[in-house]
Amino acid sequence: MLFDLDQARRETPGCKHVTHLNNAGAALMPQPVLHTQISHLELEATIGGYEAAEREQDRIEAVYDSIAQLINCHRDEIAIVENATVGWDMAFYAIPLAEGDRILTAEAEYGANFVAYLQQAKRTGAVIDVIPSTPDGEICLESLKQMIDDRVKLISITHVPTNGGLVNPATEVGRIAREHGILYLLDACQTVGQMPINIAEIQCDMLSATGRKFLRGPRGSGFLYVRRDLIADLEPPMLDHYAAKWMAPDRYEMQSNARRFENWENNYAAKLGLGVAADYALSWGLDRTWQRCLALATQLRDGLAAIPGASLRDIGQQQCAITTFTLAGHDPFQVKQILNSQDINVSVSGPNSTLLDAQKRDLPPLIRASVHYYNSEEEIDRFLRAVGSLNT
């Protein structure tokens, strides 16, 4: 099936205004997502917030079905949250850890996650062990197998790190975790919406994702998946009277499904927008999206490799829509500003976001360009000309 780029761009209002290569930060929302949010906000303003939520209850409930279809799980395994970090934290801090318990993670782990490991290690006496990488940069599966013992309570990795195109072997890690009966938490913030994510294949116990990145949903939206037969064993670090029913003056009872990880108050416009974003992604097809992202990223990398002074900083045997690079003699933040002045959006990934990897590879701040299926080949060429002109 041919990819209808004209339709993708026609349904993306921002394409008229910018060359958006910051999809790993926040992608441009398509018209249906934007319309859904505005319509609900207008309804709240017209009839009241509680009343609007009551009127739209069926559509709100359908969001769980859409997310479940997106990642191939059951709706009862989904919690809708404010962002990926909240979802990840709700899962991670619910895992009971004791002194000597081991957390295995990756060299390219995201800063927010690693800070949480450090905090829990400080509180509980748990130990953080980092899985070595292969020469290509991804998790070394043989090293992971050798590190496993009875003290390993959690394997927690980031599928795609924030500082480059590396794709970690999430499915292979899942097989190892399942074989040894170890909990497996996957940060899929950069992969949901970019590539097919199948819970049955990955076999993770918990997965967190955001709405705003490749899923093209609203900022302030995200979700958490928790395997159904694990939910009853986890008590979230924070409960309210939605997550748990107050049964008696001295007793509460948590929800039996993943909604125990939610709170009562939330942004219903964003929640509805998240559901529409999932439906919209499914309508395009995640396989088609993935293949187009790979093609555009290849064009971008090949073009950068031909620019004098440009150095690609991506690693990984399998790479994705995210590309990072440096430009000799140019400050990354200034490059970002110059490109922005030409209506080209990129971002800068600082070392503190992936400190272990940055220290190991002696990485400075990196210019990050991340494509999506609605980008055109002409936009990639425009970006490459703009970068190349900085050295003339």
Protein backbone atom coordinates (compact mmCIF):
# COMPACT_ATOMS: atom_id res chain seq x y z
CA MET A 1 0.00 0.00 0.00
CA LEU A 2 1.35 3.40 -1.00
CA PHE A 3 1.98 5.97 1.70
CA ASP A 4 -0.21 9.04 1.22
CA LEU A 5 2.15 11.79 2.28
CA ASP A 6 -0.17 14.51 1.00
CA GLN A 7 -2.94 13.30 3.31
CA ALA A 8 -0.58 13.03 6.27
CA ARG A 9 0.58 16.61 5.78
CA ARG A 10 -2.88 17.93 4.99
CA GLU A 11 -4.13 16.53 8.29
CA THR A 12 -1.19 18.06 10.19
CA PRO A 13 -1.74 21.83 10.51
CA GLY A 14 1.79 22.49 11.70
CA CYS A 15 3.29 21.27 8.42
CA LYS A 16 2.24 24.59 6.85
CA HIS A 17 4.45 26.50 9.25
CA VAL A 18 7.53 24.50 10.24
CA THR A 19 9.89 21.72 9.25
CA HIS A 20 9.41 19.73 12.40
CA LEU A 21 12.33 17.42 13.24
CA ASN A 22 11.68 17.32 16.97
CA ASN A 23 9.30 14.39 17.05
CA ALA A 24 11.32 12.74 19.83
CA GLY A 25 10.43 15.79 21.90
CA ALA A 26 6.83 16.43 20.91
CA ALA A 27 5.41 15.59 17.50
CA LEU A 28 2.96 17.77 15.63
CA MET A 29 -0.60 16.78 16.49
CA PRO A 30 -2.91 15.76 13.64
CA GLN A 31 -6.18 17.61 13.14
CA PRO A 32 -8.40 14.93 14.72
CA VAL A 33 -6.42 15.03 17.98
CA LEU A 34 -6.47 18.81 18.06
CA HIS A 35 -10.19 18.97 17.26
CA THR A 36 -11.04 16.43 19.96
CA GLN A 37 -9.30 18.43 22.67
CA ILE A 38 -10.73 21.78 21.62
CA SER A 39 -14.24 20.33 21.33
CA HIS A 40 -14.12 18.89 24.82
CA LEU A 41 -12.73 22.09 26.33
CA GLU A 42 -15.54 23.99 24.65
CA LEU A 43 -18.06 21.51 26.05
CA GLU A 44 -16.62 21.98 29.55
CA ALA A 45 -16.87 25.74 29.17
CA THR A 46 -20.46 25.43 27.96
CA ILE A 47 -22.01 22.93 30.37
CA GLY A 48 -19.39 22.40 33.12
CA GLY A 49 -16.44 20.09 33.62
CA TYR A 50 -18.16 17.31 35.56
CA GLU A 51 -21.14 17.39 33.24
CA ALA A 52 -18.94 17.23 30.15
CA ALA A 53 -17.12 14.16 31.49
CA GLU A 54 -20.43 12.50 32.28
CA ARG A 55 -21.77 13.20 28.80
CA GLU A 56 -18.61 11.84 27.15
CA GLN A 57 -18.25 8.83 29.45
CA ASP A 58 -18.54 6.25 26.66
CA ARG A 59 -15.80 7.96 24.64
CA ILE A 60 -13.60 8.27 27.74
CA GLU A 61 -13.97 4.55 28.41
CA ALA A 62 -13.14 3.80 24.78
CA VAL A 63 -9.68 5.31 25.28
CA TYR A 64 -8.68 2.20 27.22
CA ASP A 65 -9.74 0.01 24.31
CA SER A 66 -7.72 2.11 21.87
CA ILE A 67 -4.54 1.94 23.93
CA ALA A 68 -5.01 -1.79 24.52
CA GLN A 69 -5.33 -2.36 20.78
CA LEU A 70 -2.27 -0.21 20.13
CA ILE A 71 0.04 -2.42 22.21
CA ASN A 72 -1.95 -5.69 22.14
CA CYS A 73 -3.09 -6.09 25.72
CA HIS A 74 -6.34 -6.03 27.73
CA ARG A 75 -8.05 -2.77 28.67
CA ASP A 76 -7.92 -3.70 32.36
CA GLU A 77 -4.11 -3.62 32.13
CA ILE A 78 -4.03 0.08 31.16
CA ALA A 79 -3.83 3.16 33.37
CA ILE A 80 -4.12 6.60 31.77
CA VAL A 81 -1.75 9.06 33.45
CA GLU A 82 -0.41 12.59 33.10
CA ASN A 83 2.83 11.57 31.38
CA ALA A 84 5.23 8.69 30.91
CA THR A 85 7.33 9.55 33.97
CA VAL A 86 4.29 9.46 36.26
CA GLY A 87 3.32 6.08 34.82
CA TRP A 88 6.85 4.72 35.11
CA ASP A 89 7.20 6.01 38.68
CA MET A 90 3.86 4.55 39.75
CA ALA A 91 5.03 1.14 38.55
CA PHE A 92 8.63 1.28 39.74
CA TYR A 93 7.92 2.58 43.25
CA ALA A 94 5.24 -0.10 43.67
CA ILE A 95 7.84 -2.86 43.36
CA PRO A 96 8.85 -4.06 46.83
CA LEU A 97 12.63 -3.88 47.18
CA ALA A 98 14.79 -4.86 50.13
CA GLU A 99 18.44 -4.59 51.07
CA GLY A 100 20.62 -6.48 48.63
CA ASP A 101 17.97 -6.76 45.91
CA ARG A 102 19.44 -6.03 42.49
CA ILE A 103 18.09 -3.76 39.76
CA LEU A 104 19.60 -4.44 36.33
CA THR A 105 19.53 -1.55 33.87
CA ALA A 106 21.27 -0.30 30.73
CA GLU A 107 24.18 2.06 30.07
CA ALA A 108 21.93 4.32 27.97
CA GLU A 109 19.25 4.58 30.67
CA TYR A 110 17.19 7.75 30.89
CA GLY A 111 18.08 10.22 33.65
CA ALA A 112 14.64 10.33 35.29
CA ASN A 113 14.63 6.57 35.67
CA PHE A 114 18.16 6.36 37.03
CA VAL A 115 17.45 9.03 39.64
CA ALA A 116 14.58 6.85 40.83
CA TYR A 117 16.89 3.83 41.05
CA LEU A 118 19.30 5.88 43.14
CA GLN A 119 16.54 7.06 45.45
CA GLN A 120 15.22 3.56 46.04
CA ALA A 121 18.73 2.22 46.53
CA LYS A 122 19.24 4.89 49.18
CA ARG A 123 15.92 4.08 50.86
CA THR A 124 15.98 0.29 50.71
CA GLY A 125 19.58 -0.82 50.30
CA ALA A 126 18.86 -2.23 46.85
CA VAL A 127 21.78 -2.38 44.42
CA ILE A 128 21.93 -0.95 40.89
CA ASP A 129 23.92 -3.01 38.39
CA VAL A 130 24.47 -1.80 34.84
CA ILE A 131 24.34 -4.31 32.00
CA PRO A 132 27.36 -3.89 29.69
CA SER A 133 26.73 -2.91 26.08
CA THR A 134 27.93 -4.61 22.92
CA PRO A 135 30.43 -2.77 20.70
CA ASP A 136 27.39 -1.56 18.71
CA GLY A 137 25.92 0.01 21.83
CA GLU A 138 22.87 -2.08 22.65
CA ILE A 139 22.43 -4.24 25.74
CA CYS A 140 24.69 -7.29 25.68
CA LEU A 141 22.32 -10.21 26.10
CA GLU A 142 25.06 -12.65 27.07
CA SER A 143 26.23 -10.32 29.81
CA LEU A 144 22.65 -9.97 31.02
CA LYS A 145 22.30 -13.74 31.30
CA GLN A 146 25.54 -14.00 33.26
CA MET A 147 24.46 -11.27 35.70
CA ILE A 148 21.28 -13.00 36.79
CA ASP A 149 21.12 -14.57 40.23
CA ASP A 150 18.52 -14.99 42.97
CA ARG A 151 18.96 -11.39 44.12
CA VAL A 152 17.86 -9.83 40.81
CA LYS A 153 14.36 -8.46 41.39
CA LEU A 154 13.97 -6.18 38.37
CA ILE A 155 15.25 -5.67 34.85
CA SER A 156 14.42 -2.11 33.84
CA ILE A 157 15.55 -0.60 30.55
CA THR A 158 14.75 2.16 28.11
CA HIS A 159 13.75 0.81 24.70
CA VAL A 160 15.18 3.78 22.78
CA PRO A 161 17.36 6.27 24.69
CA THR A 162 16.81 10.00 24.43
CA ASN A 163 20.26 10.70 22.99
CA GLY A 164 20.22 8.73 19.74
CA GLY A 165 18.73 6.17 17.42
CA LEU A 166 19.77 3.03 19.30
CA VAL A 167 16.98 0.44 19.67
CA ASN A 168 17.61 -1.96 22.53
CA PRO A 169 16.59 -5.62 22.04
CA ALA A 170 13.46 -5.41 24.19
CA THR A 171 11.95 -8.70 23.03
CA GLU A 172 15.13 -10.68 23.67
CA VAL A 173 15.42 -9.10 27.13
CA GLY A 174 11.81 -10.11 27.75
CA ARG A 175 12.55 -13.75 26.96
CA ILE A 176 15.43 -13.77 29.44
CA ALA A 177 13.35 -12.08 32.15
CA ARG A 178 10.46 -14.51 31.64
CA GLU A 179 12.77 -17.54 31.68
CA HIS A 180 14.10 -16.50 35.09
CA GLY A 181 10.85 -15.16 36.55
CA ILE A 182 12.20 -11.61 36.95
CA LEU A 183 10.04 -8.50 36.73
CA TYR A 184 10.65 -6.51 33.56
CA LEU A 185 9.85 -2.78 33.27
CA LEU A 186 10.18 -1.17 29.84
CA ASP A 187 10.32 2.57 29.16
CA ALA A 188 8.77 2.79 25.68
CA CYS A 189 8.50 6.57 25.62
CA GLN A 190 10.29 6.91 22.27
CA THR A 191 8.93 3.80 20.58
CA VAL A 192 5.15 3.80 21.02
CA GLY A 193 3.80 5.39 17.85
CA GLN A 194 7.09 5.03 15.99
CA MET A 195 7.14 1.26 15.59
CA PRO A 196 4.87 -1.72 16.32
CA ILE A 197 4.79 -2.58 20.03
CA ASN A 198 3.37 -5.98 20.88
CA ILE A 199 3.17 -6.82 24.58
CA ALA A 200 2.73 -10.51 23.83
CA GLU A 201 6.03 -10.56 21.96
CA ILE A 202 8.03 -8.29 24.27
CA GLN A 203 6.72 -10.05 27.41
CA CYS A 204 7.35 -7.09 29.69
CA ASP A 205 5.46 -6.93 32.97
CA MET A 206 5.12 -3.14 32.92
CA LEU A 207 5.48 -0.54 30.17
CA SER A 208 5.25 3.25 30.23
CA ALA A 209 4.68 5.61 27.32
CA THR A 210 3.85 9.22 26.58
CA GLY A 211 1.26 10.71 24.28
CA ARG A 212 3.22 13.70 23.02
CA LYS A 213 6.08 12.06 21.11
CA PHE A 214 5.69 9.66 18.19
CA LEU A 215 2.11 8.83 19.11
CA ARG A 216 1.29 12.47 18.22
CA GLY A 217 -1.03 12.94 21.18
CA PRO A 218 -1.39 15.85 23.60
CA ARG A 219 1.26 17.03 26.03
CA GLY A 220 0.29 16.03 29.54
CA SER A 221 -0.91 12.57 28.53
CA GLY A 222 0.54 9.10 28.84
CA PHE A 223 -0.24 5.56 29.89
CA LEU A 224 1.03 2.65 31.92
CA TYR A 225 0.60 -1.04 31.14
CA VAL A 226 0.77 -3.57 33.98
CA ARG A 227 0.38 -7.29 33.37
CA ARG A 228 -3.00 -8.44 34.66
CA ASP A 229 -1.79 -11.19 37.00
CA LEU A 230 0.78 -8.82 38.53
CA ILE A 231 -1.60 -5.98 39.42
CA ALA A 232 -2.82 -7.51 42.68
CA ASP A 233 0.79 -7.76 43.96
CA LEU A 234 1.57 -4.07 43.48
CA GLU A 235 0.45 -1.21 45.68
CA PRO A 236 1.10 2.18 44.06
CA PRO A 237 3.20 4.68 46.03
CA MET A 238 0.28 7.09 46.07
CA LEU A 239 -3.44 6.31 46.36
CA ASP A 240 -6.57 8.41 46.38
CA HIS A 241 -10.23 7.48 46.75
CA TYR A 242 -10.44 6.60 43.03
CA ALA A 243 -7.46 4.23 43.04
CA ALA A 244 -8.74 2.70 46.28
CA LYS A 245 -12.22 2.69 47.75
CA TRP A 246 -12.49 3.77 51.40
CA MET A 247 -14.34 0.79 52.85
CA ALA A 248 -14.24 1.52 56.59
CA PRO A 249 -12.59 4.08 58.92
CA ASP A 250 -9.47 1.89 59.05
CA ARG A 251 -9.56 0.07 55.71
CA TYR A 252 -9.35 0.71 51.96
CA GLU A 253 -9.60 -1.61 48.98
CA MET A 254 -7.64 -0.93 45.80
CA GLN A 255 -9.15 -1.24 42.36
CA SER A 256 -8.62 -4.71 40.94
CA ASN A 257 -7.36 -3.44 37.58
CA ALA A 258 -4.61 -1.06 36.48
CA ARG A 259 -6.71 1.95 37.39
CA ARG A 260 -5.31 1.63 40.90
CA PHE A 261 -2.34 3.49 39.34
CA GLU A 262 -4.54 6.45 38.37
CA ASN A 263 -5.86 9.42 40.34
CA TRP A 264 -9.42 10.74 40.30
CA GLU A 265 -8.64 14.14 38.79
CA ASN A 266 -7.28 14.24 35.26
CA ASN A 267 -7.35 16.23 32.05
CA TYR A 268 -10.27 14.74 30.14
CA ALA A 269 -9.55 16.72 26.98
CA ALA A 270 -6.02 15.28 26.92
CA LYS A 271 -7.32 11.81 27.76
CA LEU A 272 -9.75 11.90 24.85
CA GLY A 273 -7.00 13.28 22.62
CA LEU A 274 -4.74 10.40 23.61
CA GLY A 275 -7.38 7.90 22.56
CA VAL A 276 -7.86 9.61 19.21
CA ALA A 277 -4.07 9.68 18.72
CA ALA A 278 -3.95 5.90 19.27
CA ASP A 279 -6.79 5.35 16.80
CA TYR A 280 -5.11 7.67 14.31
CA ALA A 281 -1.80 5.80 14.61
CA LEU A 282 -3.58 2.49 14.07
CA SER A 283 -5.34 3.88 11.00
CA TRP A 284 -1.99 4.62 9.37
CA GLY A 285 -0.53 1.28 10.39
CA LEU A 286 2.46 0.97 12.69
CA ASP A 287 4.41 -1.18 10.23
CA ARG A 288 4.02 1.46 7.52
CA THR A 289 4.92 4.22 9.96
CA TRP A 290 8.03 2.35 11.07
CA GLN A 291 9.24 1.71 7.53
CA ARG A 292 8.74 5.33 6.51
CA CYS A 293 10.54 6.60 9.61
CA LEU A 294 13.47 4.31 8.85
CA ALA A 295 13.67 5.53 5.25
CA LEU A 296 13.61 9.20 6.24
CA ALA A 297 16.16 8.65 9.01
CA THR A 298 18.48 6.92 6.53
CA GLN A 299 18.20 9.88 4.16
CA LEU A 300 18.99 12.23 7.04
CA ARG A 301 21.97 10.23 8.32
CA ASP A 302 23.44 9.75 4.85
CA GLY A 303 23.11 13.47 4.23
CA LEU A 304 24.76 14.44 7.49
CA ALA A 305 27.63 12.02 6.85
CA ALA A 306 28.42 13.97 3.68
CA ILE A 307 28.62 17.36 5.45
CA PRO A 308 32.20 18.38 6.42
CA GLY A 309 32.52 18.68 10.19
CA ALA A 310 29.29 16.83 10.97
CA SER A 311 29.79 13.76 13.16
CA LEU A 312 27.01 11.26 13.70
CA ARG A 313 26.79 10.18 17.34
CA ASP A 314 24.17 7.45 16.97
CA ILE A 315 25.04 3.94 17.98
CA GLY A 316 23.20 0.62 17.74
CA GLN A 317 22.88 -2.22 15.27
CA GLN A 318 19.20 -1.33 14.86
CA GLN A 319 18.52 2.38 14.67
CA CYS A 320 15.32 4.36 14.47
CA ALA A 321 13.85 7.78 13.64
CA ILE A 322 16.16 9.65 16.03
CA THR A 323 19.52 10.96 14.85
CA THR A 324 22.09 12.83 16.94
CA PHE A 325 25.17 14.63 15.71
CA THR A 326 27.70 17.36 16.43
CA LEU A 327 29.05 20.01 14.09
CA ALA A 328 32.69 20.92 14.52
CA GLY A 329 33.22 24.48 15.66
CA HIS A 330 29.55 25.08 16.42
CA ASP A 331 27.76 25.13 19.75
CA PRO A 332 24.73 22.77 19.58
CA PHE A 333 22.44 25.29 21.25
CA GLN A 334 23.40 27.96 18.75
CA VAL A 335 22.81 25.53 15.89
CA LYS A 336 19.36 24.84 17.29
CA GLN A 337 18.61 28.58 17.47
CA ILE A 338 19.82 29.22 13.94
CA LEU A 339 17.72 26.37 12.56
CA ASN A 340 14.74 27.53 14.57
CA SER A 341 15.07 30.99 13.03
CA GLN A 342 14.59 29.26 9.68
CA ASP A 343 11.48 27.43 10.96
CA ILE A 344 13.33 24.14 11.33
CA ASN A 345 12.77 22.46 14.68
CA VAL A 346 15.41 20.27 16.31
CA SER A 347 16.43 19.79 19.94
CA VAL A 348 19.59 19.38 22.01
CA SER A 349 20.20 16.29 24.13
CA GLY A 350 22.40 17.09 27.12
CA PRO A 351 24.78 14.63 28.82
CA ASN A 352 22.77 14.58 32.06
CA SER A 353 19.84 12.92 30.32
CA THR A 354 21.93 9.79 29.71
CA LEU A 355 24.87 10.33 32.04
CA LEU A 356 26.43 6.85 31.99
CA ASP A 357 26.47 6.66 28.20
CA ALA A 358 27.63 10.27 27.89
CA GLN A 359 30.55 9.70 30.26
CA LYS A 360 31.53 6.41 28.63
CA ARG A 361 31.58 7.96 25.14
CA ASP A 362 32.71 11.43 26.27
CA LEU A 363 29.65 13.02 24.67
CA PRO A 364 29.01 16.76 24.61
CA PRO A 365 25.49 18.13 24.14
CA LEU A 366 24.14 16.61 20.93
CA ILE A 367 21.95 18.09 18.21
CA ARG A 368 18.95 15.77 17.89
CA ALA A 369 16.88 15.55 14.71
CA SER A 370 13.96 13.13 14.77
CA VAL A 371 11.75 12.40 11.79
CA HIS A 372 8.18 11.18 11.51
CA TYR A 373 6.10 9.82 8.67
CA TYR A 374 4.58 13.21 7.85
CA ASN A 375 7.99 14.74 7.14
CA SER A 376 8.78 15.00 3.45
CA GLU A 377 11.99 14.16 1.66
CA GLU A 378 12.16 17.81 0.64
CA GLU A 379 12.13 18.83 4.30
CA ILE A 380 15.07 16.54 5.00
CA ASP A 381 16.97 18.12 2.11
CA ARG A 382 16.10 21.60 3.41
CA PHE A 383 17.44 20.68 6.84
CA LEU A 384 20.65 19.29 5.33
CA ARG A 385 21.21 22.43 3.27
CA ALA A 386 20.70 24.57 6.36
CA VAL A 387 23.21 22.55 8.38
CA GLY A 388 25.69 22.47 5.52
CA SER A 389 25.47 26.24 5.07
CA LEU A 390 26.78 26.76 8.62
CA ASN A 391 30.23 25.69 7.47
CA THR A 392 30.39 28.02 4.47
